[in-house]
Amino acid sequence: MYGQVAEEVGLTWGGRWKMMDLGHVEYHKPGFKLGRSSAR
C-alpha cells in the first residue's frame, strides 16, 4: 500500500528496483537525469 500511494502522487518507489528497498521513495524533478553533467 505504501508503494502504491507513493507512485500515485508521482514518487519513485524502491520496491520496484532490482535490489528492493521497500521503505524508500524518491522525488525527481521533471527532466532530471542521473549521472554527471557533460557541461563541465
C-alpha atoms as a PDB file:
ATOM      1  CA  MET A   1       0.000   0.000   0.000  1.00  0.00           C
ATOM      2  CA  TYR A   2       2.866   2.399   0.822  1.00  0.00           C
ATOM      3  CA  GLY A   3       4.412   1.975  -2.622  1.00  0.00           C
ATOM      4  CA  GLN A   4       1.059   2.310  -4.371  1.00  0.00           C
ATOM      5  CA  VAL A   5       0.303   5.608  -2.633  1.00  0.00           C
ATOM      6  CA  ALA A   6       3.826   6.907  -3.286  1.00  0.00           C
ATOM      7  CA  GLU A   7       3.539   6.152  -7.010  1.00  0.00           C
ATOM      8  CA  GLU A   8       0.050   7.698  -7.202  1.00  0.00           C
ATOM      9  CA  VAL A   9       1.491  11.036  -6.089  1.00  0.00           C
ATOM     10  CA  GLY A  10       4.409  10.853  -8.533  1.00  0.00           C
ATOM     11  CA  LEU A  11       7.208   9.404  -6.402  1.00  0.00           C
ATOM     12  CA  THR A  12       9.552   6.575  -7.394  1.00  0.00           C
ATOM     13  CA  TRP A  13       9.156   3.628  -5.009  1.00  0.00           C
ATOM     14  CA  GLY A  14      12.151   1.492  -4.063  1.00  0.00           C
ATOM     15  CA  GLY A  15      10.036  -1.680  -4.127  1.00  0.00           C
ATOM     16  CA  ARG A  16      10.275  -1.691  -7.934  1.00  0.00           C
ATOM     17  CA  TRP A  17      14.082  -1.596  -8.003  1.00  0.00           C
ATOM     18  CA  LYS A  18      16.283  -4.596  -8.825  1.00  0.00           C
ATOM     19  CA  MET A  19      17.559  -4.507  -5.221  1.00  0.00           C
ATOM     20  CA  MET A  20      14.270  -3.763  -3.460  1.00  0.00           C
ATOM     21  CA  ASP A  21      14.190  -1.085  -0.783  1.00  0.00           C
ATOM     22  CA  LEU A  22      10.562  -1.224   0.335  1.00  0.00           C
ATOM     23  CA  GLY A  23      10.737   1.755   2.690  1.00  0.00           C
ATOM     24  CA  HIS A  24      12.386   4.108   0.179  1.00  0.00           C
ATOM     25  CA  VAL A  25      10.760   6.687  -2.090  1.00  0.00           C
ATOM     26  CA  GLU A  26      12.337   9.405  -4.229  1.00  0.00           C
ATOM     27  CA  TYR A  27      11.161  12.543  -5.963  1.00  0.00           C
ATOM     28  CA  HIS A  28      12.818  13.521  -9.233  1.00  0.00           C
ATOM     29  CA  LYS A  29      12.189  16.892 -10.825  1.00  0.00           C
ATOM     30  CA  PRO A  30      10.852  16.653 -14.391  1.00  0.00           C
ATOM     31  CA  GLY A  31      13.809  16.432 -16.776  1.00  0.00           C
ATOM     32  CA  PHE A  32      16.148  15.183 -14.026  1.00  0.00           C
ATOM     33  CA  LYS A  33      18.930  12.914 -15.313  1.00  0.00           C
ATOM     34  CA  LEU A  34      21.150  10.686 -13.172  1.00  0.00           C
ATOM     35  CA  GLY A  35      24.896  10.976 -13.691  1.00  0.00           C
ATOM     36  CA  ARG A  36      27.365  13.764 -14.179  1.00  0.00           C
ATOM     37  CA  SER A  37      26.705  16.824 -16.244  1.00  0.00           C
ATOM     38  CA  SER A  38      28.583  16.974 -19.534  1.00  0.00           C
ATOM     39  CA  ALA A  39      28.681  20.791 -19.327  1.00  0.00           C
ATOM     40  CA  ARG A  40      31.953  20.944 -17.344  1.00  0.00           C
END
